[in-house]
N, C-alpha and C. Protein backbone atom coordinates (compact mmCIF):
# COMPACT_ATOMS: atom_id res chain seq x y z
N MET A 1 -17.08 -7.84 16.06
CA MET A 1 -15.66 -7.95 16.37
C MET A 1 -15.09 -6.58 16.71
N ASN A 2 -14.22 -6.53 17.67
CA ASN A 2 -13.59 -5.29 18.06
C ASN A 2 -12.37 -5.06 17.17
N LEU A 3 -12.45 -4.05 16.28
CA LEU A 3 -11.35 -3.80 15.34
C LEU A 3 -10.07 -3.44 16.08
N GLN A 4 -10.21 -2.75 17.25
CA GLN A 4 -9.01 -2.38 18.01
C GLN A 4 -8.25 -3.63 18.42
N ARG A 5 -8.99 -4.65 18.88
CA ARG A 5 -8.33 -5.91 19.26
C ARG A 5 -7.68 -6.56 18.04
N LEU A 6 -8.40 -6.56 16.92
CA LEU A 6 -7.87 -7.15 15.69
C LEU A 6 -6.63 -6.43 15.23
N ARG A 7 -6.68 -5.10 15.28
CA ARG A 7 -5.53 -4.28 14.85
C ARG A 7 -4.31 -4.58 15.70
N TYR A 8 -4.50 -4.60 17.02
CA TYR A 8 -3.36 -4.86 17.90
C TYR A 8 -2.85 -6.29 17.74
N GLY A 9 -3.78 -7.24 17.53
CA GLY A 9 -3.35 -8.61 17.33
C GLY A 9 -2.50 -8.77 16.10
N LEU A 10 -2.90 -8.10 14.99
CA LEU A 10 -2.13 -8.19 13.75
C LEU A 10 -0.72 -7.66 13.92
N PHE A 11 -0.59 -6.52 14.60
CA PHE A 11 0.72 -5.92 14.74
C PHE A 11 1.57 -6.65 15.77
N ALA A 12 0.97 -7.58 16.53
CA ALA A 12 1.73 -8.32 17.54
C ALA A 12 2.39 -9.56 17.00
N VAL A 13 2.18 -9.87 15.69
CA VAL A 13 2.59 -11.16 15.15
C VAL A 13 4.11 -11.40 15.24
N VAL A 14 4.48 -12.56 15.79
CA VAL A 14 5.83 -13.10 15.66
C VAL A 14 5.66 -14.57 15.33
N PHE A 15 6.62 -15.18 14.60
CA PHE A 15 6.27 -16.43 13.94
C PHE A 15 6.62 -17.71 14.69
N LEU A 16 6.02 -18.81 14.22
CA LEU A 16 6.02 -20.14 14.83
C LEU A 16 7.39 -20.60 15.31
N ALA A 17 7.45 -21.14 16.54
CA ALA A 17 8.71 -21.60 17.11
C ALA A 17 9.28 -22.75 16.28
N ALA A 18 10.61 -22.83 16.21
CA ALA A 18 11.26 -23.85 15.37
C ALA A 18 10.96 -25.25 15.87
N CYS A 19 10.78 -26.19 14.95
CA CYS A 19 10.52 -27.58 15.30
C CYS A 19 11.84 -28.28 15.59
N ALA A 20 11.75 -29.56 15.98
CA ALA A 20 12.95 -30.29 16.39
C ALA A 20 13.93 -30.46 15.24
N GLN A 21 13.44 -30.72 14.05
CA GLN A 21 14.34 -30.87 12.90
C GLN A 21 14.98 -29.52 12.60
N PRO A 22 16.31 -29.46 12.54
CA PRO A 22 16.96 -28.16 12.36
C PRO A 22 16.67 -27.56 10.99
N LEU A 23 16.47 -26.25 11.00
CA LEU A 23 16.35 -25.54 9.73
C LEU A 23 17.73 -25.41 9.12
N ARG A 24 17.80 -25.24 7.83
CA ARG A 24 19.10 -25.11 7.20
C ARG A 24 19.21 -23.77 6.51
N GLN A 25 20.42 -23.32 6.36
CA GLN A 25 20.65 -22.01 5.75
C GLN A 25 20.55 -22.09 4.24
N LEU A 26 19.92 -21.09 3.67
CA LEU A 26 19.82 -21.04 2.21
C LEU A 26 21.20 -20.87 1.58
N PRO A 27 21.45 -21.50 0.47
CA PRO A 27 22.69 -21.22 -0.26
C PRO A 27 22.61 -19.83 -0.86
N PRO A 28 23.74 -19.25 -1.23
CA PRO A 28 23.70 -17.94 -1.86
C PRO A 28 22.78 -17.96 -3.07
N ALA A 29 21.95 -16.92 -3.20
CA ALA A 29 20.98 -16.88 -4.29
C ALA A 29 20.93 -15.48 -4.87
N PRO A 30 20.58 -15.37 -6.14
CA PRO A 30 20.46 -14.05 -6.74
C PRO A 30 19.31 -13.28 -6.12
N SER A 31 19.35 -11.97 -6.22
CA SER A 31 18.31 -11.12 -5.64
C SER A 31 16.94 -11.51 -6.17
N GLY A 32 15.98 -11.68 -5.22
CA GLY A 32 14.62 -12.03 -5.60
C GLY A 32 14.38 -13.52 -5.67
N ALA A 33 15.42 -14.35 -5.58
CA ALA A 33 15.22 -15.79 -5.64
C ALA A 33 14.80 -16.32 -4.29
N GLY A 34 14.10 -17.43 -4.29
CA GLY A 34 13.66 -18.05 -3.06
C GLY A 34 14.18 -19.46 -2.97
N PRO A 35 13.66 -20.26 -2.02
CA PRO A 35 14.10 -21.64 -1.88
C PRO A 35 13.84 -22.47 -3.12
N VAL A 36 12.80 -22.15 -3.89
CA VAL A 36 12.57 -22.86 -5.14
C VAL A 36 13.19 -22.07 -6.27
N ALA A 37 13.29 -22.69 -7.44
CA ALA A 37 14.04 -22.08 -8.54
C ALA A 37 13.31 -20.91 -9.18
N THR A 38 11.99 -20.81 -8.98
CA THR A 38 11.23 -19.77 -9.63
C THR A 38 11.14 -18.53 -8.75
N ALA A 39 11.33 -17.36 -9.33
CA ALA A 39 11.28 -16.11 -8.57
C ALA A 39 9.84 -15.63 -8.50
N ALA A 40 9.46 -15.07 -7.35
CA ALA A 40 8.11 -14.55 -7.17
C ALA A 40 7.93 -13.27 -7.98
N PRO A 41 6.70 -12.98 -8.41
CA PRO A 41 6.45 -11.76 -9.17
C PRO A 41 6.66 -10.52 -8.33
N LEU A 42 7.07 -9.42 -8.96
CA LEU A 42 7.27 -8.16 -8.25
C LEU A 42 5.97 -7.39 -8.07
N ARG A 43 4.96 -7.72 -8.88
CA ARG A 43 3.67 -7.03 -8.78
C ARG A 43 2.58 -8.07 -8.58
N TRP A 44 1.84 -7.95 -7.49
CA TRP A 44 0.81 -8.93 -7.18
C TRP A 44 -0.26 -8.34 -6.27
N THR A 45 -1.40 -9.04 -6.23
CA THR A 45 -2.50 -8.71 -5.33
C THR A 45 -3.00 -10.00 -4.71
N LEU A 46 -3.28 -9.98 -3.42
CA LEU A 46 -3.89 -11.14 -2.78
C LEU A 46 -5.13 -10.71 -2.01
N ASP A 47 -6.08 -11.63 -1.91
CA ASP A 47 -7.27 -11.48 -1.07
C ASP A 47 -7.35 -12.69 -0.17
N GLY A 48 -7.79 -12.48 1.06
CA GLY A 48 -7.92 -13.59 1.98
C GLY A 48 -8.53 -13.17 3.29
N ARG A 49 -8.42 -14.07 4.26
CA ARG A 49 -8.94 -13.82 5.60
C ARG A 49 -7.82 -14.02 6.61
N ILE A 50 -7.88 -13.24 7.67
CA ILE A 50 -6.96 -13.42 8.78
C ILE A 50 -7.75 -13.69 10.05
N ALA A 51 -7.21 -14.52 10.92
CA ALA A 51 -7.78 -14.77 12.25
C ALA A 51 -6.66 -14.59 13.25
N ILE A 52 -6.91 -13.80 14.29
CA ILE A 52 -5.86 -13.41 15.23
C ILE A 52 -6.32 -13.66 16.65
N SER A 53 -5.43 -14.17 17.49
CA SER A 53 -5.70 -14.37 18.91
C SER A 53 -4.48 -13.98 19.72
N ASN A 54 -4.71 -13.34 20.87
CA ASN A 54 -3.59 -13.01 21.76
C ASN A 54 -3.66 -13.81 23.06
N GLY A 55 -4.46 -14.89 23.05
CA GLY A 55 -4.60 -15.72 24.23
C GLY A 55 -5.83 -15.37 25.06
N ARG A 56 -6.33 -14.16 24.90
CA ARG A 56 -7.54 -13.72 25.61
C ARG A 56 -8.63 -13.30 24.63
N ASP A 57 -8.26 -12.46 23.69
CA ASP A 57 -9.20 -11.94 22.70
C ASP A 57 -8.83 -12.47 21.32
N SER A 58 -9.84 -12.51 20.46
CA SER A 58 -9.59 -12.95 19.09
C SER A 58 -10.50 -12.19 18.15
N GLY A 59 -10.13 -12.19 16.90
CA GLY A 59 -10.93 -11.51 15.88
C GLY A 59 -10.52 -12.00 14.51
N SER A 60 -11.33 -11.65 13.52
CA SER A 60 -11.02 -12.04 12.16
C SER A 60 -11.42 -10.92 11.22
N GLY A 61 -10.88 -10.94 10.03
CA GLY A 61 -11.19 -9.89 9.08
C GLY A 61 -10.74 -10.28 7.68
N ARG A 62 -11.12 -9.47 6.74
CA ARG A 62 -10.74 -9.68 5.35
C ARG A 62 -9.52 -8.82 5.01
N LEU A 63 -8.59 -9.42 4.30
CA LEU A 63 -7.34 -8.75 3.96
C LEU A 63 -7.22 -8.59 2.45
N HIS A 64 -6.84 -7.41 2.01
CA HIS A 64 -6.55 -7.15 0.59
C HIS A 64 -5.20 -6.46 0.54
N TRP A 65 -4.24 -7.08 -0.12
CA TRP A 65 -2.86 -6.57 -0.15
C TRP A 65 -2.45 -6.42 -1.61
N GLN A 66 -2.04 -5.20 -1.99
CA GLN A 66 -1.51 -4.93 -3.34
C GLN A 66 -0.03 -4.59 -3.21
N GLN A 67 0.79 -5.18 -4.05
CA GLN A 67 2.23 -4.96 -4.02
C GLN A 67 2.73 -4.64 -5.43
N ASP A 68 3.48 -3.56 -5.56
CA ASP A 68 4.09 -3.20 -6.84
C ASP A 68 5.54 -2.83 -6.56
N ALA A 69 6.44 -3.83 -6.69
CA ALA A 69 7.84 -3.67 -6.27
C ALA A 69 7.85 -3.27 -4.80
N GLU A 70 8.39 -2.09 -4.45
CA GLU A 70 8.43 -1.69 -3.04
C GLU A 70 7.13 -1.06 -2.56
N PHE A 71 6.28 -0.61 -3.47
CA PHE A 71 5.06 0.09 -3.08
C PHE A 71 3.96 -0.90 -2.70
N TYR A 72 3.26 -0.64 -1.60
CA TYR A 72 2.22 -1.54 -1.11
C TYR A 72 1.00 -0.76 -0.64
N VAL A 73 -0.15 -1.41 -0.72
CA VAL A 73 -1.39 -0.92 -0.12
C VAL A 73 -2.02 -2.11 0.58
N ILE A 74 -2.21 -2.01 1.90
CA ILE A 74 -2.75 -3.10 2.71
C ILE A 74 -4.05 -2.64 3.33
N ASP A 75 -5.15 -3.32 3.00
CA ASP A 75 -6.47 -3.00 3.55
C ASP A 75 -6.97 -4.15 4.41
N LEU A 76 -7.51 -3.81 5.58
CA LEU A 76 -8.09 -4.80 6.48
C LEU A 76 -9.48 -4.32 6.86
N ARG A 77 -10.47 -5.22 6.73
CA ARG A 77 -11.86 -4.84 7.03
C ARG A 77 -12.49 -5.88 7.95
N ALA A 78 -13.16 -5.38 9.01
CA ALA A 78 -13.90 -6.26 9.90
C ALA A 78 -15.19 -6.69 9.22
N PRO A 79 -15.55 -7.99 9.25
CA PRO A 79 -16.67 -8.47 8.46
C PRO A 79 -18.04 -8.01 8.95
N ILE A 80 -18.20 -7.75 10.24
CA ILE A 80 -19.51 -7.40 10.79
C ILE A 80 -19.68 -5.88 10.88
N SER A 81 -18.74 -5.22 11.54
CA SER A 81 -18.86 -3.78 11.75
C SER A 81 -18.56 -2.97 10.49
N GLY A 82 -17.75 -3.55 9.59
CA GLY A 82 -17.36 -2.82 8.39
C GLY A 82 -16.24 -1.83 8.62
N GLU A 83 -15.74 -1.74 9.87
CA GLU A 83 -14.61 -0.85 10.15
C GLU A 83 -13.38 -1.33 9.37
N SER A 84 -12.51 -0.40 9.02
CA SER A 84 -11.35 -0.76 8.23
C SER A 84 -10.20 0.20 8.49
N TRP A 85 -8.99 -0.26 8.14
CA TRP A 85 -7.83 0.61 8.15
C TRP A 85 -6.98 0.28 6.94
N ARG A 86 -6.12 1.21 6.58
CA ARG A 86 -5.25 1.04 5.41
C ARG A 86 -3.83 1.49 5.75
N LEU A 87 -2.86 0.67 5.35
CA LEU A 87 -1.45 1.01 5.46
C LEU A 87 -0.87 1.01 4.06
N SER A 88 -0.23 2.09 3.67
CA SER A 88 0.36 2.17 2.33
C SER A 88 1.71 2.86 2.41
N GLY A 89 2.52 2.65 1.38
CA GLY A 89 3.83 3.30 1.36
C GLY A 89 4.83 2.54 0.51
N ASP A 90 6.11 2.82 0.76
CA ASP A 90 7.20 2.14 0.07
C ASP A 90 8.40 2.16 1.00
N GLY A 91 9.59 2.02 0.45
CA GLY A 91 10.78 1.99 1.30
C GLY A 91 11.14 3.31 1.93
N ALA A 92 10.48 4.42 1.53
CA ALA A 92 10.86 5.75 2.01
C ALA A 92 9.79 6.42 2.87
N HIS A 93 8.55 5.92 2.84
CA HIS A 93 7.50 6.54 3.64
C HIS A 93 6.35 5.55 3.84
N ALA A 94 5.46 5.87 4.79
CA ALA A 94 4.29 5.03 5.04
C ALA A 94 3.16 5.92 5.55
N VAL A 95 1.94 5.51 5.24
CA VAL A 95 0.74 6.25 5.67
C VAL A 95 -0.23 5.26 6.29
N LEU A 96 -0.72 5.56 7.49
CA LEU A 96 -1.69 4.73 8.19
C LEU A 96 -3.01 5.50 8.26
N GLU A 97 -4.08 4.90 7.73
CA GLU A 97 -5.40 5.54 7.72
C GLU A 97 -6.41 4.67 8.46
N GLY A 98 -7.34 5.33 9.16
CA GLY A 98 -8.38 4.62 9.87
C GLY A 98 -8.19 4.59 11.36
N LEU A 99 -6.98 4.85 11.82
CA LEU A 99 -6.71 4.85 13.26
C LEU A 99 -7.17 6.16 13.89
N ARG A 100 -6.99 7.26 13.15
CA ARG A 100 -7.44 8.58 13.59
C ARG A 100 -8.25 9.22 12.47
N ALA A 101 -8.75 10.41 12.75
CA ALA A 101 -9.55 11.12 11.75
C ALA A 101 -8.72 11.48 10.53
N GLU A 102 -7.44 11.79 10.72
CA GLU A 102 -6.55 12.16 9.64
C GLU A 102 -5.48 11.09 9.43
N PRO A 103 -4.98 10.93 8.21
CA PRO A 103 -3.90 9.96 7.97
C PRO A 103 -2.67 10.28 8.81
N ILE A 104 -1.96 9.24 9.22
CA ILE A 104 -0.74 9.38 10.01
C ILE A 104 0.43 8.99 9.11
N ILE A 105 1.43 9.85 9.04
CA ILE A 105 2.55 9.65 8.11
C ILE A 105 3.83 9.32 8.88
N GLY A 106 4.62 8.39 8.35
CA GLY A 106 5.89 8.03 8.96
C GLY A 106 6.94 7.79 7.89
N VAL A 107 8.19 7.67 8.30
CA VAL A 107 9.28 7.45 7.35
C VAL A 107 9.30 6.01 6.84
N SER A 108 8.71 5.09 7.60
CA SER A 108 8.62 3.69 7.19
C SER A 108 7.44 3.05 7.91
N ALA A 109 6.96 1.94 7.35
CA ALA A 109 5.86 1.23 8.00
C ALA A 109 6.28 0.74 9.38
N GLU A 110 7.50 0.22 9.47
CA GLU A 110 7.98 -0.30 10.75
C GLU A 110 8.02 0.79 11.81
N ALA A 111 8.58 1.96 11.45
CA ALA A 111 8.68 3.07 12.41
C ALA A 111 7.31 3.61 12.77
N LEU A 112 6.41 3.68 11.80
CA LEU A 112 5.07 4.21 12.03
C LEU A 112 4.29 3.31 12.98
N LEU A 113 4.31 2.01 12.75
CA LEU A 113 3.59 1.09 13.61
C LEU A 113 4.20 1.02 15.00
N ARG A 114 5.52 1.13 15.07
CA ARG A 114 6.19 1.14 16.37
C ARG A 114 5.80 2.37 17.17
N ARG A 115 5.74 3.52 16.52
CA ARG A 115 5.43 4.78 17.19
C ARG A 115 3.96 4.86 17.61
N GLU A 116 3.07 4.46 16.72
CA GLU A 116 1.65 4.64 16.98
C GLU A 116 1.02 3.52 17.81
N LEU A 117 1.53 2.29 17.65
CA LEU A 117 0.92 1.16 18.31
C LEU A 117 1.85 0.38 19.22
N GLY A 118 3.15 0.68 19.13
CA GLY A 118 4.10 -0.01 19.98
C GLY A 118 4.39 -1.44 19.55
N TRP A 119 4.09 -1.76 18.29
CA TRP A 119 4.31 -3.11 17.80
C TRP A 119 5.44 -3.13 16.77
N GLU A 120 6.06 -4.31 16.67
CA GLU A 120 7.11 -4.53 15.69
C GLU A 120 6.57 -5.41 14.58
N LEU A 121 6.50 -4.89 13.37
CA LEU A 121 6.03 -5.67 12.22
C LEU A 121 6.91 -5.34 11.02
N PRO A 122 7.76 -6.29 10.58
CA PRO A 122 8.68 -6.02 9.46
C PRO A 122 7.97 -6.09 8.11
N VAL A 123 7.24 -5.03 7.78
CA VAL A 123 6.45 -5.02 6.55
C VAL A 123 7.32 -5.27 5.32
N GLY A 124 8.52 -4.70 5.31
CA GLY A 124 9.40 -4.90 4.17
C GLY A 124 9.74 -6.37 3.95
N ALA A 125 10.03 -7.09 5.02
CA ALA A 125 10.34 -8.52 4.90
C ALA A 125 9.08 -9.33 4.64
N LEU A 126 7.96 -8.92 5.20
CA LEU A 126 6.71 -9.65 5.02
C LEU A 126 6.30 -9.69 3.55
N GLN A 127 6.67 -8.67 2.80
CA GLN A 127 6.37 -8.66 1.36
C GLN A 127 7.01 -9.85 0.66
N PHE A 128 8.17 -10.28 1.15
CA PHE A 128 8.85 -11.45 0.60
C PHE A 128 8.24 -12.73 1.15
N TRP A 129 8.03 -12.76 2.47
CA TRP A 129 7.56 -13.99 3.12
C TRP A 129 6.19 -14.42 2.60
N LEU A 130 5.33 -13.48 2.28
CA LEU A 130 4.00 -13.83 1.77
C LEU A 130 4.07 -14.62 0.46
N THR A 131 5.12 -14.41 -0.31
CA THR A 131 5.27 -15.15 -1.57
C THR A 131 6.18 -16.36 -1.41
N GLY A 132 6.50 -16.72 -0.16
CA GLY A 132 7.25 -17.94 0.10
C GLY A 132 8.73 -17.83 -0.14
N ARG A 133 9.29 -16.65 0.00
CA ARG A 133 10.72 -16.48 -0.22
C ARG A 133 11.31 -15.60 0.87
N PRO A 134 12.60 -15.74 1.13
CA PRO A 134 13.25 -14.91 2.14
C PRO A 134 13.63 -13.55 1.59
N GLN A 135 13.85 -12.62 2.48
CA GLN A 135 14.35 -11.31 2.07
C GLN A 135 15.85 -11.36 1.86
N GLN A 136 16.53 -12.19 2.62
CA GLN A 136 17.99 -12.27 2.56
C GLN A 136 18.42 -13.72 2.37
N ALA A 137 19.57 -13.91 1.73
CA ALA A 137 20.08 -15.26 1.49
C ALA A 137 20.51 -15.95 2.77
N SER A 138 20.68 -15.21 3.87
CA SER A 138 21.10 -15.80 5.13
C SER A 138 19.94 -16.42 5.90
N ALA A 139 18.72 -16.37 5.37
CA ALA A 139 17.56 -16.94 6.04
C ALA A 139 17.71 -18.45 6.17
N ARG A 140 16.98 -19.02 7.11
CA ARG A 140 16.98 -20.47 7.32
C ARG A 140 15.60 -21.00 6.93
N TRP A 141 15.59 -22.19 6.31
CA TRP A 141 14.32 -22.73 5.86
C TRP A 141 14.34 -24.24 5.84
N ARG A 142 13.16 -24.83 5.87
CA ARG A 142 13.00 -26.27 5.74
C ARG A 142 12.04 -26.52 4.59
N PRO A 143 12.45 -27.27 3.57
CA PRO A 143 11.56 -27.51 2.43
C PRO A 143 10.67 -28.72 2.66
N GLU A 144 9.56 -28.75 1.95
CA GLU A 144 8.76 -29.97 1.86
C GLU A 144 9.32 -30.81 0.72
N ALA A 145 8.67 -31.95 0.46
CA ALA A 145 9.20 -32.89 -0.54
C ALA A 145 9.31 -32.26 -1.93
N SER A 146 8.39 -31.34 -2.25
CA SER A 146 8.39 -30.73 -3.58
C SER A 146 9.49 -29.68 -3.75
N GLY A 147 10.12 -29.29 -2.64
CA GLY A 147 11.13 -28.23 -2.68
C GLY A 147 10.59 -26.88 -2.26
N LEU A 148 9.27 -26.74 -2.16
CA LEU A 148 8.69 -25.50 -1.65
C LEU A 148 8.97 -25.38 -0.16
N PRO A 149 9.11 -24.17 0.36
CA PRO A 149 9.39 -24.03 1.79
C PRO A 149 8.23 -24.47 2.65
N GLN A 150 8.56 -25.20 3.71
CA GLN A 150 7.58 -25.61 4.70
C GLN A 150 7.65 -24.68 5.91
N GLN A 151 8.87 -24.29 6.27
CA GLN A 151 9.10 -23.30 7.32
C GLN A 151 10.19 -22.35 6.87
N LEU A 152 10.08 -21.12 7.32
CA LEU A 152 11.06 -20.09 7.00
C LEU A 152 11.35 -19.30 8.26
N GLN A 153 12.63 -19.09 8.52
CA GLN A 153 13.05 -18.36 9.72
C GLN A 153 14.01 -17.26 9.30
N GLU A 154 13.70 -16.03 9.67
CA GLU A 154 14.52 -14.89 9.27
C GLU A 154 14.30 -13.73 10.23
N GLN A 155 15.38 -13.06 10.61
CA GLN A 155 15.32 -11.88 11.46
C GLN A 155 14.57 -12.16 12.76
N GLY A 156 14.70 -13.40 13.28
CA GLY A 156 14.00 -13.77 14.49
C GLY A 156 12.55 -14.14 14.28
N TRP A 157 12.05 -14.11 13.06
CA TRP A 157 10.67 -14.45 12.73
C TRP A 157 10.63 -15.84 12.13
N GLN A 158 9.54 -16.54 12.36
CA GLN A 158 9.37 -17.87 11.79
C GLN A 158 7.95 -17.99 11.24
N ILE A 159 7.83 -18.65 10.11
CA ILE A 159 6.55 -18.79 9.43
C ILE A 159 6.40 -20.21 8.93
N GLU A 160 5.18 -20.74 9.01
CA GLU A 160 4.90 -22.10 8.55
C GLU A 160 3.90 -22.03 7.39
N TYR A 161 4.26 -22.68 6.30
CA TYR A 161 3.40 -22.73 5.12
C TYR A 161 2.62 -24.04 5.15
N ARG A 162 1.28 -23.94 5.25
CA ARG A 162 0.43 -25.12 5.39
C ARG A 162 -0.09 -25.64 4.04
N ASP A 163 -0.23 -24.76 3.08
CA ASP A 163 -0.77 -25.19 1.78
C ASP A 163 -0.34 -24.18 0.72
N TRP A 164 -0.37 -24.64 -0.53
CA TRP A 164 0.09 -23.80 -1.65
C TRP A 164 -0.90 -23.87 -2.81
N PHE A 165 -0.94 -22.81 -3.60
CA PHE A 165 -1.58 -22.85 -4.92
C PHE A 165 -0.53 -23.42 -5.89
N ARG A 166 -0.54 -24.72 -6.05
CA ARG A 166 0.51 -25.38 -6.83
C ARG A 166 0.30 -25.25 -8.33
N ASP A 167 -0.91 -24.85 -8.73
CA ASP A 167 -1.17 -24.71 -10.16
C ASP A 167 -0.73 -23.36 -10.70
N LEU A 168 -0.31 -22.46 -9.81
CA LEU A 168 0.19 -21.16 -10.25
C LEU A 168 1.66 -21.27 -10.64
N THR A 169 2.12 -20.35 -11.47
CA THR A 169 3.53 -20.31 -11.87
C THR A 169 4.10 -18.93 -11.57
N PRO A 170 4.97 -18.84 -10.53
CA PRO A 170 5.37 -19.91 -9.62
C PRO A 170 4.29 -20.21 -8.60
N PRO A 171 4.38 -21.36 -7.89
CA PRO A 171 3.42 -21.65 -6.82
C PRO A 171 3.47 -20.54 -5.77
N LEU A 172 2.31 -20.24 -5.17
CA LEU A 172 2.22 -19.20 -4.15
C LEU A 172 1.45 -19.74 -2.95
N PRO A 173 1.74 -19.24 -1.75
CA PRO A 173 1.12 -19.78 -0.54
C PRO A 173 -0.40 -19.61 -0.52
N LYS A 174 -1.04 -20.60 0.11
CA LYS A 174 -2.50 -20.59 0.28
C LYS A 174 -2.88 -20.47 1.75
N ARG A 175 -2.15 -21.14 2.62
CA ARG A 175 -2.43 -21.08 4.06
C ARG A 175 -1.13 -20.89 4.81
N ILE A 176 -1.10 -19.91 5.72
CA ILE A 176 0.08 -19.58 6.51
C ILE A 176 -0.35 -19.49 7.97
N VAL A 177 0.44 -20.08 8.87
CA VAL A 177 0.17 -20.02 10.29
C VAL A 177 1.38 -19.42 11.00
N ALA A 178 1.14 -18.49 11.91
CA ALA A 178 2.22 -17.83 12.64
C ALA A 178 1.88 -17.80 14.12
N ARG A 179 2.88 -18.09 14.98
CA ARG A 179 2.65 -18.08 16.43
C ARG A 179 3.86 -17.54 17.15
N ASN A 180 3.60 -16.99 18.33
CA ASN A 180 4.66 -16.63 19.26
C ASN A 180 4.05 -16.60 20.64
N GLY A 181 4.28 -17.66 21.42
CA GLY A 181 3.68 -17.71 22.74
C GLY A 181 2.17 -17.65 22.65
N LYS A 182 1.55 -16.66 23.30
CA LYS A 182 0.09 -16.54 23.31
C LYS A 182 -0.47 -15.96 22.01
N PHE A 183 0.37 -15.39 21.18
CA PHE A 183 -0.11 -14.77 19.95
C PHE A 183 -0.17 -15.80 18.82
N GLN A 184 -1.23 -15.72 18.04
CA GLN A 184 -1.38 -16.60 16.88
C GLN A 184 -2.07 -15.87 15.75
N LEU A 185 -1.58 -16.06 14.54
CA LEU A 185 -2.18 -15.50 13.33
C LEU A 185 -2.33 -16.60 12.30
N ARG A 186 -3.50 -16.67 11.67
CA ARG A 186 -3.75 -17.59 10.57
C ARG A 186 -4.18 -16.78 9.35
N LEU A 187 -3.59 -17.08 8.23
CA LEU A 187 -3.91 -16.40 6.99
C LEU A 187 -4.33 -17.43 5.96
N ALA A 188 -5.55 -17.28 5.45
CA ALA A 188 -6.06 -18.14 4.38
C ALA A 188 -6.26 -17.28 3.14
N ILE A 189 -5.42 -17.49 2.14
CA ILE A 189 -5.47 -16.68 0.92
C ILE A 189 -6.43 -17.34 -0.06
N SER A 190 -7.41 -16.58 -0.51
CA SER A 190 -8.41 -17.12 -1.43
C SER A 190 -8.08 -16.84 -2.89
N ARG A 191 -7.28 -15.80 -3.13
CA ARG A 191 -7.00 -15.43 -4.52
C ARG A 191 -5.67 -14.70 -4.63
N TRP A 192 -4.88 -15.10 -5.59
CA TRP A 192 -3.69 -14.37 -6.00
C TRP A 192 -3.91 -13.82 -7.40
N GLN A 193 -3.44 -12.63 -7.64
CA GLN A 193 -3.38 -12.09 -9.00
C GLN A 193 -1.99 -11.54 -9.20
N THR A 194 -1.28 -12.06 -10.18
CA THR A 194 0.08 -11.59 -10.44
C THR A 194 0.09 -10.62 -11.60
N ASP A 195 0.96 -9.64 -11.51
CA ASP A 195 1.08 -8.59 -12.52
C ASP A 195 -0.24 -7.88 -12.81
N PRO A 196 -1.01 -7.51 -11.76
CA PRO A 196 -2.23 -6.74 -12.00
C PRO A 196 -1.90 -5.28 -12.24
N ALA A 197 -2.93 -4.49 -12.45
CA ALA A 197 -2.71 -3.04 -12.55
C ALA A 197 -2.05 -2.55 -11.27
N ALA A 198 -1.14 -1.61 -11.40
CA ALA A 198 -0.41 -1.12 -10.24
C ALA A 198 -1.35 -0.46 -9.24
N PRO A 199 -1.09 -0.63 -7.91
CA PRO A 199 -1.90 0.07 -6.92
C PRO A 199 -1.87 1.58 -7.12
N ARG A 200 -2.97 2.23 -6.78
CA ARG A 200 -3.05 3.67 -6.91
C ARG A 200 -2.15 4.35 -5.88
N ARG A 201 -1.35 5.29 -6.31
CA ARG A 201 -0.41 5.97 -5.42
C ARG A 201 -0.94 7.36 -5.12
N ASP A 202 -1.79 7.44 -4.11
CA ASP A 202 -2.40 8.74 -3.75
C ASP A 202 -1.38 9.61 -3.03
């Protein structure tokens, strides 16, 4: 797999177009709350696989994401070549490793990815979306019968939740699909760990 293609595909993600049934606006909610009554943990780790296509090229890789409040460490590894990159930071800075010989530093993940790769990826909001909750109460969402979100739309992004780990407390997403025109991203999460040891802050 060509890691360059995978890297560019990941940063190109924009989410699934809205379906015919209208999404509805979330009622006012306390900070950290989501569409369901249980709040997602502030510290978590997930492992899974991503598959990305831009309509011409496609690739897949293993994803390891550690989150401790605002601080994150995101690792992506190609399964065959073993090539990898790492994005880490918080609300005040970000570091991208693996793209060049030396780490690249920016004031935010969004600004760093925009400058280096020309892509828009709202890492700050994605930290919320991965746990099935919006970043802001003004987000729009459609629930499934259980009350868990089936679709979430925020800041022009849309995400579809295909499956959940319902035995976890609170439930956490298992399969997520994202599309925008020719771009498509699929995320299959194999493991969640909540309240693990904090990521190392190098």
